[in-house]
C-alpha atoms as a PDB file:
ATOM      1  CA  MET A   1     123.675 140.821  36.574  1.00  0.00           C
ATOM      2  CA  TRP A   2     122.662 138.627  39.492  1.00  0.00           C
ATOM      3  CA  PHE A   3     123.349 141.224  42.156  1.00  0.00           C
ATOM      4  CA  GLU A   4     121.888 144.184  40.275  1.00  0.00           C
ATOM      5  CA  GLY A   5     118.627 144.151  42.275  1.00  0.00           C
ATOM      6  CA  ILE A   6     120.524 144.064  45.552  1.00  0.00           C
ATOM      7  CA  ALA A   7     122.687 146.987  44.509  1.00  0.00           C
ATOM      8  CA  TRP A   8     119.624 149.066  43.628  1.00  0.00           C
ATOM      9  CA  ALA A   9     117.949 148.167  46.931  1.00  0.00           C
ATOM     10  CA  GLN A  10     121.028 149.193  48.898  1.00  0.00           C
ATOM     11  CA  SER A  11     121.428 152.483  47.110  1.00  0.00           C
ATOM     12  CA  GLN A  12     118.082 153.893  48.285  1.00  0.00           C
ATOM     13  CA  ALA A  13     118.405 156.442  51.074  1.00  0.00           C
ATOM     14  CA  ALA A  14     116.125 156.124  54.076  1.00  0.00           C
ATOM     15  CA  PRO A  15     113.350 158.739  54.157  1.00  0.00           C
ATOM     16  CA  PRO A  16     113.279 161.125  57.102  1.00  0.00           C
ATOM     17  CA  GLY A  17     111.296 160.112  60.197  1.00  0.00           C
ATOM     18  CA  THR A  18     112.232 156.402  60.176  1.00  0.00           C
ATOM     19  CA  GLY A  19     113.088 156.365  63.897  1.00  0.00           C
ATOM     20  CA  GLU A  20     109.504 155.470  64.718  1.00  0.00           C
ATOM     21  CA  GLN A  21     109.540 152.775  62.053  1.00  0.00           C
ATOM     22  CA  LEU A  22     112.683 151.330  63.625  1.00  0.00           C
ATOM     23  CA  LEU A  23     110.971 151.208  66.995  1.00  0.00           C
ATOM     24  CA  PHE A  24     107.922 149.331  65.727  1.00  0.00           C
ATOM     25  CA  SER A  25     109.652 147.127  63.184  1.00  0.00           C
ATOM     26  CA  VAL A  26     112.712 145.991  65.189  1.00  0.00           C
ATOM     27  CA  ILE A  27     112.814 146.861  68.868  1.00  0.00           C
ATOM     28  CA  ILE A  28     109.263 145.997  69.920  1.00  0.00           C
ATOM     29  CA  PRO A  29     109.205 142.547  68.223  1.00  0.00           C
ATOM     30  CA  ILE A  30     112.555 141.670  69.792  1.00  0.00           C
ATOM     31  CA  GLY A  31     111.251 142.731  73.203  1.00  0.00           C
ATOM     32  CA  PHE A  32     108.095 140.716  72.637  1.00  0.00           C
ATOM     33  CA  MET A  33     110.131 137.618  71.703  1.00  0.00           C
ATOM     34  CA  PHE A  34     112.305 138.030  74.810  1.00  0.00           C
ATOM     35  CA  GLY A  35     109.152 138.204  76.934  1.00  0.00           C
ATOM     36  CA  ILE A  36     107.851 134.983  75.392  1.00  0.00           C
ATOM     37  CA  PHE A  37     111.191 133.220  75.974  1.00  0.00           C
ATOM     38  CA  TYR A  38     111.269 134.449  79.562  1.00  0.00           C
ATOM     39  CA  PHE A  39     107.802 133.177  80.463  1.00  0.00           C
ATOM     40  CA  LEU A  40     107.988 129.935  78.490  1.00  0.00           C
ATOM     41  CA  LEU A  41     111.620 128.871  79.008  1.00  0.00           C
ATOM     42  CA  ILE A  42     113.670 130.852  81.516  1.00  0.00           C
ATOM     43  CA  ARG A  43     111.194 131.240  84.382  1.00  0.00           C
ATOM     44  CA  PRO A  44     110.067 127.570  84.530  1.00  0.00           C
ATOM     45  CA  GLN A  45     113.680 126.399  84.338  1.00  0.00           C
ATOM     46  CA  THR A  46     114.749 128.586  87.259  1.00  0.00           C
ATOM     47  CA  ARG A  47     111.788 127.334  89.302  1.00  0.00           C
ATOM     48  CA  LYS A  48     112.715 123.744  88.557  1.00  0.00           C
ATOM     49  CA  ALA A  49     116.352 124.389  89.508  1.00  0.00           C
ATOM     50  CA  ALA A  50     115.263 125.978  92.798  1.00  0.00           C
ATOM     51  CA  GLU A  51     113.026 122.991  93.613  1.00  0.00           C
ATOM     52  CA  HIS A  52     115.886 120.581  92.828  1.00  0.00           C
ATOM     53  CA  ALA A  53     118.268 122.527  95.090  1.00  0.00           C
ATOM     54  CA  LYS A  54     115.662 122.416  97.876  1.00  0.00           C
ATOM     55  CA  LEU A  55     115.291 118.657  97.376  1.00  0.00           C
ATOM     56  CA  LEU A  56     119.050 118.112  97.567  1.00  0.00           C
ATOM     57  CA  GLY A  57     119.244 120.146 100.746  1.00  0.00           C
ATOM     58  CA  SER A  58     116.475 118.164 102.429  1.00  0.00           C
ATOM     59  CA  LEU A  59     117.793 114.642 101.747  1.00  0.00           C
ATOM     60  CA  ARG A  60     117.999 112.481 104.876  1.00  0.00           C
ATOM     61  CA  ARG A  61     118.679 108.884 105.814  1.00  0.00           C
ATOM     62  CA  ASN A  62     116.144 106.284 104.635  1.00  0.00           C
ATOM     63  CA  ASP A  63     114.955 108.448 101.705  1.00  0.00           C
ATOM     64  CA  GLU A  64     114.553 106.473  98.491  1.00  0.00           C
ATOM     65  CA  VAL A  65     116.270 108.349  95.661  1.00  0.00           C
ATOM     66  CA  ILE A  66     116.803 108.044  91.921  1.00  0.00           C
ATOM     67  CA  THR A  67     120.185 109.001  90.463  1.00  0.00           C
ATOM     68  CA  THR A  68     120.933 110.371  87.005  1.00  0.00           C
ATOM     69  CA  GLY A  69     122.370 106.954  86.128  1.00  0.00           C
ATOM     70  CA  GLY A  70     119.028 105.324  86.883  1.00  0.00           C
ATOM     71  CA  LEU A  71     119.961 103.683  90.180  1.00  0.00           C
ATOM     72  CA  ILE A  72     117.207 103.530  92.763  1.00  0.00           C
ATOM     73  CA  GLY A  73     118.204 103.051  96.367  1.00  0.00           C
ATOM     74  CA  ARG A  74     117.873 104.095  99.973  1.00  0.00           C
ATOM     75  CA  VAL A  75     120.143 106.727 101.486  1.00  0.00           C
ATOM     76  CA  THR A  76     122.162 105.235 104.346  1.00  0.00           C
ATOM     77  CA  ASP A  77     124.675 108.006 105.027  1.00  0.00           C
ATOM     78  CA  VAL A  78     124.576 111.736 104.306  1.00  0.00           C
ATOM     79  CA  ASP A  79     127.654 113.922 103.966  1.00  0.00           C
ATOM     80  CA  GLU A  80     127.937 117.477 102.731  1.00  0.00           C
ATOM     81  CA  LYS A  81     128.576 116.542  99.085  1.00  0.00           C
ATOM     82  CA  VAL A  82     128.353 112.742  98.968  1.00  0.00           C
ATOM     83  CA  LEU A  83     125.519 110.354  99.751  1.00  0.00           C
ATOM     84  CA  THR A  84     125.881 106.655 100.426  1.00  0.00           C
ATOM     85  CA  VAL A  85     123.035 104.821  98.728  1.00  0.00           C
ATOM     86  CA  GLU A  86     122.177 101.171  99.322  1.00  0.00           C
ATOM     87  CA  ILE A  87     120.963  99.740  96.012  1.00  0.00           C
ATOM     88  CA  ALA A  88     120.710  96.103  97.164  1.00  0.00           C
ATOM     89  CA  PRO A  89     121.200  94.318 100.480  1.00  0.00           C
ATOM     90  CA  ASN A  90     124.803  94.986 101.551  1.00  0.00           C
ATOM     91  CA  VAL A  91     125.601  96.826  98.292  1.00  0.00           C
ATOM     92  CA  LYS A  92     126.357 100.477  98.945  1.00  0.00           C
ATOM     93  CA  VAL A  93     127.338 103.097  96.389  1.00  0.00           C
ATOM     94  CA  LYS A  94     128.665 106.600  97.005  1.00  0.00           C
ATOM     95  CA  VAL A  95     126.858 109.181  94.878  1.00  0.00           C
ATOM     96  CA  ASP A  96     127.521 112.877  94.469  1.00  0.00           C
ATOM     97  CA  ARG A  97     124.570 114.853  95.801  1.00  0.00           C
ATOM     98  CA  ALA A  98     124.177 116.732  92.510  1.00  0.00           C
ATOM     99  CA  HIS A  99     123.525 113.458  90.662  1.00  0.00           C
ATOM    100  CA  VAL A 100     120.324 112.732  92.548  1.00  0.00           C
ATOM    101  CA  THR A 101     117.400 113.533  90.271  1.00  0.00           C
ATOM    102  CA  GLY A 102     114.577 113.020  92.715  1.00  0.00           C
ATOM    103  CA  LEU A 103     112.830 110.864  95.229  1.00  0.00           C
ATOM    104  CA  ALA A 104     111.796 107.383  94.119  1.00  0.00           C
ATOM    105  CA  ASN A 105     108.482 107.592  95.935  1.00  0.00           C
ATOM    106  CA  PRO A 106     107.576 111.245  96.602  1.00  0.00           C
ATOM    107  CA  ALA A 107     104.206 110.393  98.202  1.00  0.00           C
ATOM    108  CA  ARG A 108     105.860 108.113 100.750  1.00  0.00           C
ATOM    109  CA  ALA A 109     108.494 110.752 101.510  1.00  0.00           C
ATOM    110  CA  ALA A 110     105.751 113.319 102.121  1.00  0.00           C
ATOM    111  CA  GLN A 111     104.032 110.910 104.539  1.00  0.00           C
ATOM    112  CA  GLN A 112     107.297 110.383 106.425  1.00  0.00           C
ATOM    113  CA  GLN A 113     107.824 114.135 106.691  1.00  0.00           C
ATOM    114  CA  HIS A 114     104.265 114.517 108.025  1.00  0.00           C
ATOM    115  CA  LYS A 115     104.824 111.762 110.620  1.00  0.00           C
ATOM    116  CA  LYS A 116     108.068 113.390 111.777  1.00  0.00           C
ATOM    117  CA  LYS A 117     106.287 116.714 112.272  1.00  0.00           C
ATOM    118  CA  GLU A 118     103.516 115.015 114.263  1.00  0.00           C
ATOM    119  CA  LYS A 119     106.064 113.414 116.606  1.00  0.00           C
ATOM    120  CA  GLU A 120     107.687 116.760 117.286  1.00  0.00           C
END
């Protein structure tokens, strides 16, 4: 009794020429939703990841960085995968490069980069 309406709905045969209906009712909306997800989620995330990778590659001594743990310090030694960060006078911590979220003072870092270019 409860499923009688469902059984009747399932028993109806599809009329001929529904291929066009399938295109407009299923495929195009799914493509449209994928386009929205791409431009609102995927593309900005890949840009942000590329900028972060560029930042990690350009880290040098005396840069002030912020780690994912919230530590703010100055880079004292740079290795391929590990940075040594001084968080207080004579307190140095080794941090994996991937755990650096950004520069503590990006404006100051940009000024230092500009001064280095002027000297060269």
